[in-house]
Amino acid sequence: MTQSKVVVHTEPKLLAEAAAARLIVRLTDAQAERGEATVVLTGGRIAAQIYEAVRESPARDAVDWSRVNLWWGDERFLPAGDPERNETQARAAFLDALPLDPARVHPLPPSDGPDGDDAEAAASRAASELAAAAGPGHAELPHFDLVLLGVGEDGHVASVFPEHPVTFETRPVSAVRGSPKPPPVRITLTLPAINTADEVWLIASGTGKARAVGLALAEAGPRQIPAAGVHGRELTLWLLDSAAAHDLPPRFRSLV
């Protein structure tokens, strides 16, 4: 049965440190259960703080990083190494400091990759890579222990934006054109793909996120507030700071 939980921290630094500690525990638990762990990374300012906290944590070596599989929930369709790419941010924040197996690191294709500037072909390539990792006879996606998601001020998650055609997408990976946030072309996991994960953590910091968080937890429609349409099969965890929790529905007010 799916469990939903909201945790509120007083300020962003504590949120990042607590989320980093949770992430380390979640990865070690997955490895104890299955011998490996698979996590889908996100981008954004608070995500970078979490990754830096993992890098600096004395507990980070409890994880066998050589047996961690890394994917990304979405990506700006820009050249490899561009500072605006989520992959570039994550590598600088913590991945370059960890003893990862490069074969287990799966960034979404860049715009200077084999498919050039054809975002649809790049999305198809990403979907094929996911299906290959799932193995023969399995679904089109590997087992995701955890998907990390930031929440946008408009309620978007990954690059699934409100009222955008991608909210109706059923394929696991989609190109996104006409994004309301620059750059206009992106690649994203879709809501159905995200919702295959055992756990989904939605992370938000700052007053600018409060309205979207409040609407999502008030069970707004997923077309209008995509964050309302994601959930883990076992756990949906909202990790917030006090500012982002300002507009929580009444049943959550005791947490603030």
Protein backbone atom coordinates (compact mmCIF):
# COMPACT_ATOMS: atom_id res chain seq x y z
CA MET A 1 0.00 0.00 0.00
CA THR A 2 1.27 3.46 -0.88
CA GLN A 3 2.12 5.68 2.08
CA SER A 4 2.24 9.47 1.87
CA LYS A 5 4.27 11.55 4.30
CA VAL A 6 5.16 15.24 4.71
CA VAL A 7 8.27 16.32 6.61
CA VAL A 8 8.99 20.00 7.27
CA HIS A 9 12.40 21.39 8.23
CA THR A 10 12.95 24.91 9.52
CA GLU A 11 15.38 26.08 6.85
CA PRO A 12 17.01 24.94 3.59
CA LYS A 13 20.34 23.85 5.09
CA LEU A 14 18.64 21.48 7.52
CA LEU A 15 16.37 20.23 4.74
CA ALA A 16 19.39 19.43 2.55
CA GLU A 17 21.31 17.70 5.34
CA ALA A 18 18.31 15.63 6.41
CA ALA A 19 17.50 14.64 2.82
CA ALA A 20 21.13 13.63 2.27
CA ALA A 21 21.04 11.42 5.35
CA ARG A 22 17.78 9.84 4.18
CA LEU A 23 19.26 9.24 0.73
CA ILE A 24 22.30 7.44 2.13
CA VAL A 25 20.06 5.20 4.27
CA ARG A 26 17.74 4.47 1.35
CA LEU A 27 20.60 3.43 -0.91
CA THR A 28 22.18 1.18 1.72
CA ASP A 29 18.81 -0.44 2.43
CA ALA A 30 18.24 -1.11 -1.27
CA GLN A 31 21.69 -2.65 -1.61
CA ALA A 32 21.10 -4.84 1.42
CA GLU A 33 17.86 -6.06 -0.16
CA ARG A 34 18.79 -6.38 -3.83
CA GLY A 35 22.58 -6.06 -4.05
CA GLU A 36 22.33 -2.74 -5.91
CA ALA A 37 20.43 0.53 -5.78
CA THR A 38 18.86 2.61 -8.50
CA VAL A 39 18.07 6.29 -8.08
CA VAL A 40 16.73 8.91 -10.48
CA LEU A 41 18.32 12.32 -9.89
CA THR A 42 16.81 15.77 -10.23
CA GLY A 43 18.23 19.26 -10.70
CA GLY A 44 17.83 22.64 -9.07
CA ARG A 45 19.29 24.65 -6.23
CA ILE A 46 18.03 22.53 -3.33
CA ALA A 47 19.06 19.34 -5.14
CA ALA A 48 22.61 20.66 -5.47
CA GLN A 49 22.66 21.35 -1.72
CA ILE A 50 21.50 17.80 -1.02
CA TYR A 51 24.16 16.34 -3.29
CA GLU A 52 26.86 18.44 -1.65
CA ALA A 53 25.65 17.26 1.76
CA VAL A 54 25.96 13.64 0.58
CA ARG A 55 29.49 14.35 -0.62
CA GLU A 56 30.48 15.84 2.72
CA SER A 57 28.69 13.28 4.90
CA PRO A 58 30.91 10.97 6.98
CA ALA A 59 28.26 8.28 6.37
CA ARG A 60 28.55 8.36 2.58
CA ASP A 61 30.93 5.38 2.52
CA ALA A 62 28.18 3.18 3.95
CA VAL A 63 26.98 3.06 0.33
CA ASP A 64 28.81 0.86 -2.16
CA TRP A 65 28.80 3.48 -4.89
CA SER A 66 30.13 1.01 -7.45
CA ARG A 67 26.71 -0.69 -7.24
CA VAL A 68 24.54 2.41 -7.58
CA ASN A 69 22.69 2.93 -10.87
CA LEU A 70 22.03 6.58 -11.70
CA TRP A 71 19.47 8.01 -14.08
CA TRP A 72 18.01 11.49 -14.51
CA GLY A 73 14.37 12.52 -14.41
CA ASP A 74 14.80 15.23 -17.00
CA GLU A 75 17.41 17.22 -18.85
CA ARG A 76 17.80 20.44 -20.72
CA PHE A 77 18.58 19.47 -24.31
CA LEU A 78 21.93 21.21 -24.46
CA PRO A 79 25.48 20.12 -25.35
CA ALA A 80 27.31 17.76 -22.99
CA GLY A 81 29.05 19.65 -20.21
CA ASP A 82 26.83 22.72 -20.49
CA PRO A 83 26.54 24.23 -16.99
CA GLU A 84 22.75 24.36 -17.33
CA ARG A 85 22.46 20.58 -17.66
CA ASN A 86 21.33 18.65 -14.59
CA GLU A 87 24.04 16.09 -15.28
CA THR A 88 26.75 18.76 -15.14
CA GLN A 89 25.36 20.09 -11.85
CA ALA A 90 25.23 16.64 -10.25
CA ARG A 91 28.74 15.72 -11.37
CA ALA A 92 30.15 18.94 -9.91
CA ALA A 93 28.14 18.66 -6.68
CA PHE A 94 29.00 15.06 -5.79
CA LEU A 95 29.28 12.45 -8.51
CA ASP A 96 32.87 13.30 -9.46
CA ALA A 97 33.87 12.70 -5.84
CA LEU A 98 32.34 9.21 -5.64
CA PRO A 99 33.78 5.84 -6.75
CA LEU A 100 31.01 5.16 -9.27
CA ASP A 101 30.99 2.55 -12.00
CA PRO A 102 30.75 4.67 -15.19
CA ALA A 103 28.70 1.93 -16.85
CA ARG A 104 25.98 2.49 -14.25
CA VAL A 105 25.70 6.25 -14.88
CA HIS A 106 23.06 7.03 -17.49
CA PRO A 107 22.71 10.72 -18.37
CA LEU A 108 20.00 11.71 -20.80
CA PRO A 109 21.34 12.44 -24.30
CA PRO A 110 22.84 15.88 -25.02
CA SER A 111 22.11 17.96 -28.10
CA ASP A 112 25.58 17.21 -29.48
CA GLY A 113 25.15 13.46 -29.07
CA PRO A 114 24.58 10.82 -31.77
CA ASP A 115 21.13 12.22 -32.59
CA GLY A 116 22.28 15.81 -32.97
CA ASP A 117 19.54 18.33 -32.31
CA ASP A 118 16.73 15.81 -32.90
CA ALA A 119 15.15 15.74 -29.44
CA GLU A 120 12.58 13.10 -30.40
CA ALA A 121 15.31 10.71 -31.54
CA ALA A 122 17.28 11.44 -28.36
CA ALA A 123 14.22 10.67 -26.23
CA SER A 124 13.75 7.42 -28.12
CA ARG A 125 17.40 6.56 -27.51
CA ALA A 126 16.93 7.20 -23.77
CA ALA A 127 13.85 4.98 -23.72
CA SER A 128 15.80 2.19 -25.41
CA GLU A 129 18.57 2.47 -22.83
CA LEU A 130 16.03 2.21 -20.02
CA ALA A 131 14.42 -0.83 -21.64
CA ALA A 132 17.81 -2.50 -22.06
CA ALA A 133 18.53 -1.95 -18.35
CA ALA A 134 15.17 -3.53 -17.49
CA GLY A 135 16.38 -6.77 -19.05
CA PRO A 136 14.65 -9.26 -21.35
CA GLY A 137 11.16 -10.27 -20.36
CA HIS A 138 10.73 -7.29 -18.06
CA ALA A 139 8.90 -3.99 -18.37
CA GLU A 140 10.29 -1.10 -20.39
CA LEU A 141 11.85 0.42 -17.27
CA PRO A 142 14.38 -0.84 -14.73
CA HIS A 143 13.49 -1.10 -11.06
CA PHE A 144 13.65 2.41 -9.58
CA ASP A 145 14.23 2.35 -5.84
CA LEU A 146 13.87 6.10 -5.66
CA VAL A 147 12.98 9.08 -7.84
CA LEU A 148 14.01 12.52 -6.60
CA LEU A 149 11.92 15.44 -7.85
CA GLY A 150 12.09 19.17 -7.37
CA VAL A 151 8.81 21.06 -7.49
CA GLY A 152 8.56 24.16 -9.65
CA GLU A 153 6.71 27.33 -8.71
CA ASP A 154 4.05 26.35 -11.24
CA GLY A 155 3.84 22.81 -9.85
CA HIS A 156 5.91 21.14 -12.56
CA VAL A 157 8.06 18.10 -11.84
CA ALA A 158 10.94 16.93 -14.03
CA SER A 159 10.05 18.71 -17.30
CA VAL A 160 6.34 17.90 -17.08
CA PHE A 161 4.72 21.34 -17.12
CA PRO A 162 1.11 22.31 -16.35
CA GLU A 163 -1.29 22.05 -19.26
CA HIS A 164 1.53 20.96 -21.56
CA PRO A 165 0.96 18.05 -23.97
CA VAL A 166 3.60 16.04 -22.07
CA THR A 167 1.11 15.70 -19.18
CA PHE A 168 -0.87 13.33 -21.43
CA GLU A 169 2.18 11.34 -22.56
CA THR A 170 2.12 7.58 -21.94
CA ARG A 171 5.57 6.72 -23.28
CA PRO A 172 8.26 6.50 -20.56
CA VAL A 173 10.43 9.24 -22.08
CA SER A 174 9.33 12.25 -24.08
CA ALA A 175 10.87 15.22 -25.82
CA VAL A 176 9.45 18.54 -24.62
CA ARG A 177 9.18 21.49 -26.98
CA GLY A 178 7.95 24.93 -26.06
CA SER A 179 8.90 24.60 -22.41
CA PRO A 180 7.66 27.62 -20.41
CA LYS A 181 11.06 27.67 -18.73
CA PRO A 182 14.21 28.08 -20.84
CA PRO A 183 15.63 26.33 -22.65
CA PRO A 184 12.54 25.48 -24.70
CA VAL A 185 13.66 21.95 -25.66
CA ARG A 186 14.08 19.25 -23.03
CA ILE A 187 13.86 15.50 -22.46
CA THR A 188 11.90 14.09 -19.54
CA LEU A 189 10.61 10.98 -17.87
CA THR A 190 6.84 11.08 -18.00
CA LEU A 191 4.42 10.79 -15.09
CA PRO A 192 3.70 7.08 -15.76
CA ALA A 193 7.44 6.32 -15.72
CA ILE A 194 8.02 8.28 -12.51
CA ASN A 195 5.15 6.46 -10.84
CA THR A 196 6.80 3.06 -11.26
CA ALA A 197 9.34 3.92 -8.53
CA ASP A 198 9.16 2.33 -5.10
CA GLU A 199 9.60 5.77 -3.55
CA VAL A 200 9.15 9.28 -4.91
CA TRP A 201 10.53 12.22 -2.92
CA LEU A 202 9.25 15.69 -3.78
CA ILE A 203 11.58 18.37 -2.47
CA ALA A 204 10.76 22.07 -2.23
CA SER A 205 12.35 25.07 -0.59
CA GLY A 206 11.32 28.74 -0.46
CA THR A 207 8.15 30.79 -0.45
CA GLY A 208 7.93 30.67 -4.23
CA LYS A 209 7.05 26.96 -4.02
CA ALA A 210 4.41 27.29 -1.28
CA ARG A 211 1.37 27.71 -3.52
CA ALA A 212 2.24 24.77 -5.76
CA VAL A 213 2.99 22.53 -2.78
CA GLY A 214 -0.29 23.51 -1.14
CA LEU A 215 -2.31 22.82 -4.28
CA ALA A 216 -0.60 19.48 -4.89
CA LEU A 217 -1.29 18.30 -1.34
CA ALA A 218 -4.86 19.54 -1.65
CA GLU A 219 -5.16 17.00 -4.49
CA ALA A 220 -5.28 19.36 -7.44
CA GLY A 221 -5.52 17.82 -10.89
CA PRO A 222 -2.26 16.48 -12.35
CA ARG A 223 -2.76 18.39 -15.61
CA GLN A 224 -2.91 21.68 -13.72
CA ILE A 225 -0.34 20.75 -11.03
CA PRO A 226 1.83 17.83 -12.24
CA ALA A 227 3.31 17.42 -8.74
CA ALA A 228 -0.15 16.25 -7.67
CA GLY A 229 0.06 13.38 -10.14
CA VAL A 230 3.21 11.64 -8.93
CA HIS A 231 3.46 8.98 -6.25
CA GLY A 232 5.68 6.10 -5.23
CA ARG A 233 4.39 2.56 -5.16
CA GLU A 234 5.48 2.29 -1.52
CA LEU A 235 6.12 5.85 -0.36
CA THR A 236 5.46 9.40 -1.51
CA LEU A 237 7.58 11.70 0.64
CA TRP A 238 7.36 15.50 0.65
CA LEU A 239 10.51 17.13 2.05
CA LEU A 240 9.92 20.84 2.65
CA ASP A 241 11.35 23.81 4.46
CA SER A 242 9.07 26.07 6.49
CA ALA A 243 8.75 28.61 3.69
CA ALA A 244 7.61 26.03 1.13
CA ALA A 245 5.19 24.60 3.71
CA HIS A 246 3.45 27.95 4.26
CA ASP A 247 0.28 27.04 2.33
CA LEU A 248 -0.18 23.44 3.41
CA PRO A 249 -3.80 22.25 3.61
CA PRO A 250 -5.31 22.35 7.13
CA ARG A 251 -4.68 18.67 7.85
CA PHE A 252 -0.91 19.29 7.56
CA ARG A 253 -0.73 22.60 9.45
CA SER A 254 0.54 20.99 12.65
CA LEU A 255 3.79 20.18 10.79
CA VAL A 256 4.74 23.82 10.24
